[in-house]
Amino acid sequence: MAAVLERIHGDVTPNAAPTLRRFARMAPNNPQREAWRERAIEMYLPLAGHLAQRFRGRGESLDDLVQVAAVGLIKAVDGFDPDRKNDFISYAVPTIAGELKRHFRDKTWDIRVSRRVQELRQAILAVWDPLTQQLGRTPTAKDLAIHLGVTESEATEGLLSTNAYSALSLDTPIGVNESGNSITLSDVVGGPDDALVTAEERATLAPKLRELPKRKKQILAKRLFSDMTQAEIGADMGISQMHVSRLLNQCLTELSSE
């Protein structure tokens, strides 16, 4: 940590500290206070840029990270009390880093999960490589639970949360079909299936259909599957259309009874 702070001190404008102290000691109603505040923030911007660099490679652009770090810097400048005799950089580094961590925790998840799960995911990512090397294999949820001091179900939840951090677009190409045309994720995602919707009804009706007399089964099949009219069924079976109507009504009554 000392080496990091020393490097940051070297990046910051030498007269930044006196500028910041002068701003901090100005009365709130001093008309020059805002100008000195902006000057102090500008002088310490290398500090924000340095910390933003440390958070690269996590799916966010460096420009966005610098902006987030600048917000943390502004909070640090506004909250700094020179009378406490603390070095500003020692105070600002955790403030800016906290702002960056909060950004990743709250703003970059495609699917919203609880803060506890987000923090658990970060803990898993931090120990994943060292634990893999130590075990000589991919860590299981049980391994992670023991290492992190959490329950196995919590470790499993943390592992599953990695799918929530970054969601794939339905337009994402995933391969080509037999014709050589590109296939996207939307082409293989399932949709509503009318057959599944009626699966329960079919399962309920099956035993009742087996109990119907042969003639009623024939009439029902001709009406539902051959799309024959009642008159056509009557002519085909040698009975009146009225009789066919009565038999169909009986079938429906028997099939709908509990």
Protein backbone atom coordinates (compact mmCIF):
# COMPACT_ATOMS: atom_id res chain seq x y z
CA MET A 1 0.00 0.00 0.00
CA ALA A 2 2.83 2.39 0.86
CA ALA A 3 4.37 1.83 -2.58
CA VAL A 4 1.05 2.56 -4.27
CA LEU A 5 0.59 5.78 -2.31
CA GLU A 6 4.14 6.86 -3.08
CA ARG A 7 3.56 6.33 -6.81
CA ILE A 8 0.31 8.28 -6.69
CA HIS A 9 2.00 11.13 -4.83
CA GLY A 10 4.46 11.33 -7.70
CA ASP A 11 1.66 11.67 -10.26
CA VAL A 12 -0.14 14.51 -8.45
CA THR A 13 0.75 18.16 -9.03
CA PRO A 14 3.16 19.25 -6.24
CA ASN A 15 1.11 22.28 -5.19
CA ALA A 16 -2.17 20.31 -5.07
CA ALA A 17 -2.08 19.85 -1.30
CA PRO A 18 -1.78 23.60 -0.47
CA THR A 19 -4.55 24.33 -2.97
CA LEU A 20 -6.82 21.76 -1.35
CA ARG A 21 -6.10 23.03 2.17
CA ARG A 22 -6.84 26.60 1.13
CA PHE A 23 -10.16 25.53 -0.39
CA ALA A 24 -11.10 23.43 2.65
CA ARG A 25 -10.49 26.32 5.05
CA MET A 26 -12.52 28.86 3.07
CA ALA A 27 -15.86 29.95 4.46
CA PRO A 28 -18.85 28.41 2.63
CA ASN A 29 -20.00 31.86 1.50
CA ASN A 30 -16.60 32.88 0.11
CA PRO A 31 -17.17 33.79 -3.59
CA GLN A 32 -13.76 32.35 -4.52
CA ARG A 33 -14.40 28.99 -2.88
CA GLU A 34 -15.90 27.28 -5.94
CA ALA A 35 -12.97 28.26 -8.14
CA TRP A 36 -10.47 26.88 -5.62
CA ARG A 37 -12.55 23.69 -5.33
CA GLU A 38 -12.45 23.15 -9.10
CA ARG A 39 -8.71 23.84 -9.11
CA ALA A 40 -8.09 21.27 -6.37
CA ILE A 41 -10.20 18.63 -8.15
CA GLU A 42 -8.34 19.23 -11.40
CA MET A 43 -4.96 18.87 -9.68
CA TYR A 44 -5.92 15.55 -8.13
CA LEU A 45 -7.42 14.05 -11.30
CA PRO A 46 -4.26 11.93 -11.86
CA LEU A 47 -5.16 10.17 -8.62
CA ALA A 48 -8.61 9.27 -9.99
CA GLY A 49 -7.09 8.11 -13.28
CA HIS A 50 -4.52 5.94 -11.50
CA LEU A 51 -7.19 4.17 -9.44
CA ALA A 52 -9.47 3.75 -12.46
CA GLN A 53 -6.65 1.90 -14.22
CA ARG A 54 -6.59 -0.66 -11.41
CA PHE A 55 -10.21 -1.62 -12.20
CA ARG A 56 -9.70 -2.24 -15.92
CA GLY A 57 -10.57 -5.58 -17.50
CA ARG A 58 -13.91 -6.02 -15.74
CA GLY A 59 -16.19 -5.24 -18.65
CA GLU A 60 -16.27 -1.44 -18.32
CA SER A 61 -14.48 1.07 -20.55
CA LEU A 62 -11.64 3.07 -19.04
CA ASP A 63 -13.43 6.35 -19.85
CA ASP A 64 -16.45 5.25 -17.79
CA LEU A 65 -14.19 4.15 -14.94
CA VAL A 66 -12.37 7.49 -14.94
CA GLN A 67 -15.71 9.29 -14.68
CA VAL A 68 -16.76 7.11 -11.74
CA ALA A 69 -13.38 7.68 -10.08
CA ALA A 70 -13.78 11.44 -10.62
CA VAL A 71 -17.09 11.32 -8.74
CA GLY A 72 -15.29 9.61 -5.87
CA LEU A 73 -12.57 12.27 -6.02
CA ILE A 74 -15.15 15.07 -5.79
CA LYS A 75 -16.68 13.40 -2.72
CA ALA A 76 -13.23 13.13 -1.17
CA VAL A 77 -12.38 16.78 -1.87
CA ASP A 78 -15.71 17.95 -0.45
CA GLY A 79 -15.40 15.74 2.61
CA PHE A 80 -11.74 16.34 3.47
CA ASP A 81 -11.01 17.99 6.81
CA PRO A 82 -7.44 19.34 6.94
CA ASP A 83 -7.68 19.91 10.69
CA ARG A 84 -7.66 16.15 11.29
CA LYS A 85 -4.04 16.11 10.09
CA ASN A 86 -4.66 13.21 7.71
CA ASP A 87 -2.92 13.06 4.37
CA PHE A 88 -5.52 13.72 1.67
CA ILE A 89 -4.39 10.88 -0.60
CA SER A 90 -4.62 8.37 2.24
CA TYR A 91 -8.18 9.60 2.76
CA ALA A 92 -9.11 9.86 -0.92
CA VAL A 93 -7.86 6.45 -2.12
CA PRO A 94 -10.43 4.37 -0.16
CA THR A 95 -13.13 6.92 -1.01
CA ILE A 96 -12.49 6.67 -4.75
CA ALA A 97 -11.95 2.90 -4.66
CA GLY A 98 -15.21 2.55 -2.77
CA GLU A 99 -17.01 4.54 -5.46
CA LEU A 100 -15.56 2.26 -8.16
CA LYS A 101 -16.50 -0.89 -6.26
CA ARG A 102 -20.02 0.45 -5.71
CA HIS A 103 -20.28 1.10 -9.45
CA PHE A 104 -19.47 -2.52 -10.27
CA ARG A 105 -21.73 -3.78 -7.52
CA ASP A 106 -24.78 -1.70 -8.38
CA LYS A 107 -24.56 -0.65 -12.02
CA THR A 108 -22.97 -3.30 -14.21
CA TRP A 109 -25.19 -6.32 -13.56
CA ASP A 110 -27.53 -7.18 -16.44
CA ILE A 111 -29.78 -9.08 -14.05
CA ARG A 112 -30.37 -7.58 -10.63
CA VAL A 113 -29.18 -9.68 -7.68
CA SER A 114 -28.77 -8.83 -4.01
CA ARG A 115 -25.68 -7.03 -2.73
CA ARG A 116 -24.79 -10.06 -0.61
CA VAL A 117 -24.68 -12.29 -3.68
CA GLN A 118 -22.69 -9.71 -5.65
CA GLU A 119 -20.08 -9.52 -2.88
CA LEU A 120 -20.00 -13.32 -2.66
CA ARG A 121 -19.35 -13.52 -6.40
CA GLN A 122 -16.41 -11.12 -6.05
CA ALA A 123 -15.00 -13.23 -3.21
CA ILE A 124 -15.29 -16.38 -5.35
CA LEU A 125 -13.53 -14.71 -8.28
CA ALA A 126 -10.72 -13.57 -5.96
CA VAL A 127 -9.96 -17.10 -4.69
CA TRP A 128 -10.80 -19.08 -7.83
CA ASP A 129 -7.35 -19.17 -9.46
CA PRO A 130 -5.33 -19.70 -6.25
CA LEU A 131 -7.71 -22.44 -5.12
CA THR A 132 -7.60 -24.11 -8.55
CA GLN A 133 -3.80 -24.24 -8.36
CA GLN A 134 -3.86 -25.48 -4.80
CA LEU A 135 -6.34 -28.29 -5.51
CA GLY A 136 -5.06 -29.15 -8.99
CA ARG A 137 -8.62 -29.14 -10.29
CA THR A 138 -11.69 -26.93 -10.63
CA PRO A 139 -13.03 -25.99 -7.18
CA THR A 140 -16.45 -27.31 -6.28
CA ALA A 141 -19.10 -25.40 -4.36
CA LYS A 142 -18.06 -27.37 -1.26
CA ASP A 143 -14.40 -26.37 -1.73
CA LEU A 144 -15.37 -22.70 -2.06
CA ALA A 145 -17.69 -22.90 0.94
CA ILE A 146 -14.93 -24.27 3.16
CA HIS A 147 -12.38 -21.75 1.89
CA LEU A 148 -14.69 -18.72 2.26
CA GLY A 149 -16.42 -19.82 5.45
CA VAL A 150 -19.91 -19.88 3.94
CA THR A 151 -22.47 -22.62 3.47
CA GLU A 152 -22.39 -24.84 0.39
CA SER A 153 -25.74 -23.46 -0.76
CA GLU A 154 -24.39 -19.90 -0.50
CA ALA A 155 -21.31 -20.86 -2.53
CA THR A 156 -23.58 -22.44 -5.16
CA GLU A 157 -25.66 -19.26 -5.26
CA GLY A 158 -22.51 -17.21 -5.77
CA LEU A 159 -21.40 -19.44 -8.64
CA LEU A 160 -24.80 -19.23 -10.32
CA SER A 161 -24.79 -15.43 -10.00
CA THR A 162 -21.97 -15.22 -12.55
CA ASN A 163 -24.65 -15.80 -15.21
CA ALA A 164 -26.42 -12.64 -14.07
CA TYR A 165 -23.43 -10.33 -14.49
CA SER A 166 -23.47 -10.30 -18.25
CA ALA A 167 -26.45 -11.42 -20.32
CA LEU A 168 -26.20 -12.44 -23.97
CA SER A 169 -28.26 -10.67 -26.60
CA LEU A 170 -30.76 -12.83 -28.48
CA ASP A 171 -29.03 -11.61 -31.64
CA THR A 172 -25.70 -13.18 -30.57
CA PRO A 173 -24.41 -15.52 -33.36
CA ILE A 174 -23.87 -19.07 -32.07
CA GLY A 175 -23.04 -20.95 -35.28
CA VAL A 176 -24.34 -21.83 -38.72
CA ASN A 177 -27.06 -24.19 -39.93
CA GLU A 178 -26.80 -26.88 -42.61
CA SER A 179 -27.33 -24.27 -45.32
CA GLY A 180 -24.42 -22.21 -44.05
CA ASN A 181 -26.63 -19.43 -42.71
CA SER A 182 -25.83 -17.81 -39.37
CA ILE A 183 -27.82 -18.98 -36.34
CA THR A 184 -28.49 -16.60 -33.46
CA LEU A 185 -29.45 -17.38 -29.89
CA SER A 186 -33.08 -16.45 -30.62
CA ASP A 187 -33.24 -19.31 -33.19
CA VAL A 188 -32.72 -21.94 -30.50
CA VAL A 189 -34.61 -20.38 -27.61
CA GLY A 190 -37.85 -22.21 -26.94
CA GLY A 191 -41.22 -20.54 -27.12
CA PRO A 192 -44.82 -21.33 -26.14
CA ASP A 193 -45.85 -24.85 -27.16
CA ASP A 194 -49.59 -25.42 -27.58
CA ALA A 195 -49.02 -29.15 -27.24
CA LEU A 196 -47.51 -28.62 -23.78
CA VAL A 197 -50.39 -26.38 -22.77
CA THR A 198 -52.87 -29.18 -23.48
CA ALA A 199 -50.66 -32.00 -22.15
CA GLU A 200 -52.45 -32.12 -18.81
CA GLU A 201 -55.87 -32.21 -20.47
CA ARG A 202 -54.78 -35.04 -22.77
CA ALA A 203 -53.43 -37.00 -19.83
CA THR A 204 -56.74 -36.55 -17.99
CA LEU A 205 -58.89 -37.47 -20.99
CA ALA A 206 -56.95 -40.57 -22.04
CA PRO A 207 -58.45 -43.01 -19.52
CA LYS A 208 -61.96 -41.61 -20.10
CA LEU A 209 -61.61 -42.05 -23.87
CA ARG A 210 -60.64 -45.70 -23.35
CA GLU A 211 -63.86 -46.27 -21.39
CA LEU A 212 -66.14 -44.95 -24.17
CA PRO A 213 -68.11 -47.53 -26.20
CA LYS A 214 -66.71 -48.31 -29.64
CA ARG A 215 -69.45 -46.44 -31.53
CA LYS A 216 -68.93 -43.26 -29.53
CA LYS A 217 -65.18 -43.48 -30.08
CA GLN A 218 -65.74 -43.76 -33.83
CA ILE A 219 -68.13 -40.81 -33.91
CA LEU A 220 -65.78 -38.69 -31.83
CA ALA A 221 -62.80 -39.57 -34.04
CA LYS A 222 -64.69 -38.74 -37.23
CA ARG A 223 -65.85 -35.42 -35.82
CA LEU A 224 -62.57 -34.28 -34.24
CA PHE A 225 -59.86 -35.82 -36.39
CA SER A 226 -61.55 -36.30 -39.79
CA ASP A 227 -63.44 -33.00 -39.48
CA MET A 228 -66.67 -34.63 -40.73
CA THR A 229 -70.02 -32.93 -40.20
CA GLN A 230 -72.73 -34.60 -38.15
CA ALA A 231 -74.67 -35.31 -41.35
CA GLU A 232 -71.61 -36.92 -42.98
CA ILE A 233 -71.00 -39.04 -39.88
CA GLY A 234 -74.62 -40.16 -39.85
CA ALA A 235 -74.52 -41.10 -43.52
CA ASP A 236 -71.23 -42.97 -43.03
CA MET A 237 -72.50 -44.93 -40.04
CA GLY A 238 -76.10 -45.45 -41.19
CA ILE A 239 -77.73 -43.35 -38.45
CA SER A 240 -79.54 -40.01 -38.41
CA GLN A 241 -77.83 -36.70 -37.92
CA MET A 242 -79.98 -36.17 -34.82
CA HIS A 243 -78.70 -39.44 -33.35
CA VAL A 244 -75.12 -38.41 -34.06
CA SER A 245 -75.75 -35.11 -32.24
CA ARG A 246 -77.14 -36.91 -29.18
CA LEU A 247 -74.16 -39.32 -29.08
CA LEU A 248 -71.66 -36.46 -29.38
CA ASN A 249 -73.34 -34.61 -26.52
CA GLN A 250 -73.18 -37.78 -24.42
CA CYS A 251 -69.48 -38.12 -25.20
CA LEU A 252 -68.77 -34.56 -24.12
CA THR A 253 -70.76 -35.02 -20.92
CA GLU A 254 -68.91 -38.22 -20.02
CA LEU A 255 -65.48 -36.78 -20.81
CA SER A 256 -66.07 -33.60 -18.81
CA SER A 257 -67.39 -35.40 -15.74
CA GLU A 258 -65.03 -35.78 -12.77
